[in-house]
Amino acid sequence: MQVTVRFELPRDAMSIPVLRRLCGRSLEVIGAEQDVIDDVELALTEACANVLQHVDRGSHFEVVVGFDEERAFLDVIDHGPGFDPDDLTSAGPDPYAEGGRGVQLMRELMDSVRFDSVTGSGTTVHLEKQLRWRPEAPIHRLAPQRGSAG
């Protein structure tokens, strides 16, 4: 089973908490553990905040949110000027800086973070997180059992 939803959102700060709630509540309903939900929500918030902070062009951005039995996956897509992902250092921000920790947070919270960017065409941030389930999680009844027919 795989569930995927695509959102086209205005480049407005109010879009972020709405999207975070939709994503988090979806994972909660199917039975993901709360600490995993918290990680996904925060990483998604950081990726969306980067669009609002660094992209001046376009009146909207897109977000694809999905999950299957094993992982949550998210794409945050902007239509800005793009950048060179190699310019992102793994050293982290200046410890005395007031900001600039979003990428580092995403990398700490998620299992996979990848930036696809084309100069003049925008950027897609790909985020993935291995899911863990509560024992009574509805996903156990919704997802086909491995090795079963049909």
C-alpha atoms as a PDB file:
ATOM      1  CA  MET A   1       0.000   0.000   0.000  1.00  0.00           C
ATOM      2  CA  GLN A   2       1.216   3.481  -0.821  1.00  0.00           C
ATOM      3  CA  VAL A   3      -0.557   6.759  -0.122  1.00  0.00           C
ATOM      4  CA  THR A   4       0.576   9.952  -1.851  1.00  0.00           C
ATOM      5  CA  VAL A   5      -0.964  13.421  -1.739  1.00  0.00           C
ATOM      6  CA  ARG A   6       0.180  16.478  -3.704  1.00  0.00           C
ATOM      7  CA  PHE A   7      -0.440  19.992  -2.451  1.00  0.00           C
ATOM      8  CA  GLU A   8      -0.035  23.287  -4.266  1.00  0.00           C
ATOM      9  CA  LEU A   9       0.260  25.949  -1.607  1.00  0.00           C
ATOM     10  CA  PRO A  10       0.586  29.733  -1.604  1.00  0.00           C
ATOM     11  CA  ARG A  11       4.006  31.076  -0.634  1.00  0.00           C
ATOM     12  CA  ASP A  12       2.575  32.224   2.672  1.00  0.00           C
ATOM     13  CA  ALA A  13       3.727  31.427   6.208  1.00  0.00           C
ATOM     14  CA  MET A  14       0.241  30.115   7.098  1.00  0.00           C
ATOM     15  CA  SER A  15       0.728  27.254   4.617  1.00  0.00           C
ATOM     16  CA  ILE A  16       3.406  25.652   6.789  1.00  0.00           C
ATOM     17  CA  PRO A  17       1.420  24.824   9.955  1.00  0.00           C
ATOM     18  CA  VAL A  18      -1.545  23.676   7.856  1.00  0.00           C
ATOM     19  CA  LEU A  19       0.652  21.318   5.867  1.00  0.00           C
ATOM     20  CA  ARG A  20       2.488  20.117   8.993  1.00  0.00           C
ATOM     21  CA  ARG A  21      -0.829  19.243  10.637  1.00  0.00           C
ATOM     22  CA  LEU A  22      -2.154  17.419   7.571  1.00  0.00           C
ATOM     23  CA  CYS A  23       1.006  15.350   7.292  1.00  0.00           C
ATOM     24  CA  GLY A  24       1.346  14.636  11.004  1.00  0.00           C
ATOM     25  CA  ARG A  25      -2.300  13.750  11.467  1.00  0.00           C
ATOM     26  CA  SER A  26      -2.168  11.345   8.499  1.00  0.00           C
ATOM     27  CA  LEU A  27       0.773   9.499  10.024  1.00  0.00           C
ATOM     28  CA  GLU A  28      -0.964   9.456  13.413  1.00  0.00           C
ATOM     29  CA  VAL A  29      -4.172   8.002  11.961  1.00  0.00           C
ATOM     30  CA  ILE A  30      -2.361   5.076  10.353  1.00  0.00           C
ATOM     31  CA  GLY A  31      -0.413   4.375  13.553  1.00  0.00           C
ATOM     32  CA  ALA A  32       3.113   5.778  13.247  1.00  0.00           C
ATOM     33  CA  GLU A  33       4.996   6.248  16.511  1.00  0.00           C
ATOM     34  CA  GLN A  34       4.840   9.815  17.836  1.00  0.00           C
ATOM     35  CA  ASP A  35       8.606  10.445  17.824  1.00  0.00           C
ATOM     36  CA  VAL A  36       8.727   9.591  14.110  1.00  0.00           C
ATOM     37  CA  ILE A  37       5.784  11.906  13.414  1.00  0.00           C
ATOM     38  CA  ASP A  38       7.527  14.711  15.309  1.00  0.00           C
ATOM     39  CA  ASP A  39      10.708  14.254  13.239  1.00  0.00           C
ATOM     40  CA  VAL A  40       8.795  14.290   9.943  1.00  0.00           C
ATOM     41  CA  GLU A  41       6.766  17.360  10.922  1.00  0.00           C
ATOM     42  CA  LEU A  42       9.836  19.346  11.951  1.00  0.00           C
ATOM     43  CA  ALA A  43      11.861  18.408   8.855  1.00  0.00           C
ATOM     44  CA  LEU A  44       8.909  19.315   6.620  1.00  0.00           C
ATOM     45  CA  THR A  45       8.553  22.639   8.451  1.00  0.00           C
ATOM     46  CA  GLU A  46      12.233  23.440   7.864  1.00  0.00           C
ATOM     47  CA  ALA A  47      12.080  22.556   4.158  1.00  0.00           C
ATOM     48  CA  CYS A  48       8.982  24.717   3.641  1.00  0.00           C
ATOM     49  CA  ALA A  49      10.440  27.589   5.676  1.00  0.00           C
ATOM     50  CA  ASN A  50      13.469  27.543   3.369  1.00  0.00           C
ATOM     51  CA  VAL A  51      11.161  28.115   0.395  1.00  0.00           C
ATOM     52  CA  LEU A  52       9.606  31.139   2.080  1.00  0.00           C
ATOM     53  CA  GLN A  53      12.986  32.516   3.117  1.00  0.00           C
ATOM     54  CA  HIS A  54      15.088  31.883   0.004  1.00  0.00           C
ATOM     55  CA  VAL A  55      12.701  31.901  -2.967  1.00  0.00           C
ATOM     56  CA  ASP A  56      11.401  35.233  -4.194  1.00  0.00           C
ATOM     57  CA  ARG A  57       9.788  34.015  -7.399  1.00  0.00           C
ATOM     58  CA  GLY A  58       6.441  32.327  -7.790  1.00  0.00           C
ATOM     59  CA  SER A  59       3.251  32.664  -5.888  1.00  0.00           C
ATOM     60  CA  HIS A  60       3.126  29.019  -4.841  1.00  0.00           C
ATOM     61  CA  PHE A  61       5.167  25.943  -4.053  1.00  0.00           C
ATOM     62  CA  GLU A  62       4.347  22.255  -4.174  1.00  0.00           C
ATOM     63  CA  VAL A  63       4.631  19.514  -1.601  1.00  0.00           C
ATOM     64  CA  VAL A  64       4.229  15.786  -2.169  1.00  0.00           C
ATOM     65  CA  VAL A  65       3.638  13.825   1.022  1.00  0.00           C
ATOM     66  CA  GLY A  66       3.398  10.074   1.095  1.00  0.00           C
ATOM     67  CA  PHE A  67       4.008   6.892   2.992  1.00  0.00           C
ATOM     68  CA  ASP A  68       4.021   3.166   2.566  1.00  0.00           C
ATOM     69  CA  GLU A  69       4.466   0.351   5.082  1.00  0.00           C
ATOM     70  CA  GLU A  70       8.131   1.204   5.603  1.00  0.00           C
ATOM     71  CA  ARG A  71       8.798   4.895   5.082  1.00  0.00           C
ATOM     72  CA  ALA A  72       7.454   8.396   4.868  1.00  0.00           C
ATOM     73  CA  PHE A  73       8.616  10.415   1.869  1.00  0.00           C
ATOM     74  CA  LEU A  74       8.227  14.104   1.160  1.00  0.00           C
ATOM     75  CA  ASP A  75       9.170  16.386  -1.723  1.00  0.00           C
ATOM     76  CA  VAL A  76       9.129  20.161  -1.309  1.00  0.00           C
ATOM     77  CA  ILE A  77       9.279  21.782  -4.738  1.00  0.00           C
ATOM     78  CA  ASP A  78       9.862  25.452  -5.432  1.00  0.00           C
ATOM     79  CA  HIS A  79      10.086  27.352  -8.697  1.00  0.00           C
ATOM     80  CA  GLY A  80      12.838  29.728  -7.631  1.00  0.00           C
ATOM     81  CA  PRO A  81      16.272  30.416  -9.049  1.00  0.00           C
ATOM     82  CA  GLY A  82      17.821  27.178  -7.765  1.00  0.00           C
ATOM     83  CA  PHE A  83      21.234  26.811  -6.164  1.00  0.00           C
ATOM     84  CA  ASP A  84      24.240  24.523  -6.174  1.00  0.00           C
ATOM     85  CA  PRO A  85      23.604  21.799  -3.553  1.00  0.00           C
ATOM     86  CA  ASP A  86      27.363  21.236  -3.348  1.00  0.00           C
ATOM     87  CA  ASP A  87      27.540  24.642  -1.651  1.00  0.00           C
ATOM     88  CA  LEU A  88      25.790  23.135   1.376  1.00  0.00           C
ATOM     89  CA  THR A  89      28.523  22.084   3.737  1.00  0.00           C
ATOM     90  CA  SER A  90      28.097  19.269   6.196  1.00  0.00           C
ATOM     91  CA  ALA A  91      30.042  21.269   8.805  1.00  0.00           C
ATOM     92  CA  GLY A  92      26.872  23.036   9.929  1.00  0.00           C
ATOM     93  CA  PRO A  93      26.123  26.668  10.654  1.00  0.00           C
ATOM     94  CA  ASP A  94      28.137  29.075  12.728  1.00  0.00           C
ATOM     95  CA  PRO A  95      27.310  28.124  16.341  1.00  0.00           C
ATOM     96  CA  TYR A  96      26.708  31.805  17.142  1.00  0.00           C
ATOM     97  CA  ALA A  97      24.387  32.447  14.191  1.00  0.00           C
ATOM     98  CA  GLU A  98      20.709  33.075  14.859  1.00  0.00           C
ATOM     99  CA  GLY A  99      19.592  30.959  11.904  1.00  0.00           C
ATOM    100  CA  GLY A 100      20.877  28.671   9.223  1.00  0.00           C
ATOM    101  CA  ARG A 101      20.216  25.357  10.967  1.00  0.00           C
ATOM    102  CA  GLY A 102      17.378  24.093   8.769  1.00  0.00           C
ATOM    103  CA  VAL A 103      19.417  21.809   6.533  1.00  0.00           C
ATOM    104  CA  GLN A 104      21.354  20.437   9.492  1.00  0.00           C
ATOM    105  CA  LEU A 105      18.081  19.722  11.318  1.00  0.00           C
ATOM    106  CA  MET A 106      16.618  17.967   8.295  1.00  0.00           C
ATOM    107  CA  ARG A 107      19.716  15.789   8.027  1.00  0.00           C
ATOM    108  CA  GLU A 108      19.589  14.902  11.734  1.00  0.00           C
ATOM    109  CA  LEU A 109      15.872  14.103  11.757  1.00  0.00           C
ATOM    110  CA  MET A 110      15.482  12.215   8.495  1.00  0.00           C
ATOM    111  CA  ASP A 111      17.155   9.097   7.121  1.00  0.00           C
ATOM    112  CA  SER A 112      17.672  10.630   3.692  1.00  0.00           C
ATOM    113  CA  VAL A 113      17.852  14.253   2.522  1.00  0.00           C
ATOM    114  CA  ARG A 114      18.614  15.111  -1.092  1.00  0.00           C
ATOM    115  CA  PHE A 115      18.519  18.385  -3.004  1.00  0.00           C
ATOM    116  CA  ASP A 116      17.846  18.448  -6.746  1.00  0.00           C
ATOM    117  CA  SER A 117      18.293  21.950  -8.078  1.00  0.00           C
ATOM    118  CA  VAL A 118      18.487  23.421 -11.549  1.00  0.00           C
ATOM    119  CA  THR A 119      19.659  26.998 -11.912  1.00  0.00           C
ATOM    120  CA  GLY A 120      16.719  29.090 -13.054  1.00  0.00           C
ATOM    121  CA  SER A 121      14.183  26.273 -12.639  1.00  0.00           C
ATOM    122  CA  GLY A 122      13.832  25.630  -8.938  1.00  0.00           C
ATOM    123  CA  THR A 123      14.693  23.078  -6.306  1.00  0.00           C
ATOM    124  CA  THR A 124      13.207  19.858  -4.998  1.00  0.00           C
ATOM    125  CA  VAL A 125      14.071  18.739  -1.482  1.00  0.00           C
ATOM    126  CA  HIS A 126      13.566  14.977  -1.052  1.00  0.00           C
ATOM    127  CA  LEU A 127      13.103  13.754   2.527  1.00  0.00           C
ATOM    128  CA  GLU A 128      12.654  10.152   3.684  1.00  0.00           C
ATOM    129  CA  LYS A 129      12.144   8.618   7.119  1.00  0.00           C
ATOM    130  CA  GLN A 130      11.867   4.977   8.151  1.00  0.00           C
ATOM    131  CA  LEU A 131       8.536   4.493   9.914  1.00  0.00           C
ATOM    132  CA  ARG A 132       7.949   2.654  13.174  1.00  0.00           C
ATOM    133  CA  TRP A 133       4.444   1.606  14.127  1.00  0.00           C
ATOM    134  CA  ARG A 134       2.454   1.393  17.325  1.00  0.00           C
ATOM    135  CA  PRO A 135       1.439  -2.240  18.034  1.00  0.00           C
ATOM    136  CA  GLU A 136      -2.252  -1.557  17.321  1.00  0.00           C
ATOM    137  CA  ALA A 137      -1.540   0.565  14.220  1.00  0.00           C
ATOM    138  CA  PRO A 138      -4.256   0.463  11.534  1.00  0.00           C
ATOM    139  CA  ILE A 139      -1.522   0.114   8.876  1.00  0.00           C
ATOM    140  CA  HIS A 140      -1.154  -3.528   9.954  1.00  0.00           C
ATOM    141  CA  ARG A 141      -4.708  -4.240   8.767  1.00  0.00           C
ATOM    142  CA  LEU A 142      -4.664  -1.935   5.738  1.00  0.00           C
ATOM    143  CA  ALA A 143      -1.413  -3.073   4.156  1.00  0.00           C
ATOM    144  CA  PRO A 144      -1.295  -6.418   2.359  1.00  0.00           C
ATOM    145  CA  GLN A 145       0.692  -8.998   4.273  1.00  0.00           C
ATOM    146  CA  ARG A 146       4.016  -9.840   2.694  1.00  0.00           C
ATOM    147  CA  GLY A 147       3.996 -13.164   0.961  1.00  0.00           C
ATOM    148  CA  SER A 148       0.180 -13.372   0.775  1.00  0.00           C
ATOM    149  CA  ALA A 149      -1.577 -13.688  -2.544  1.00  0.00           C
ATOM    150  CA  GLY A 150      -3.769 -10.956  -3.962  1.00  0.00           C
END
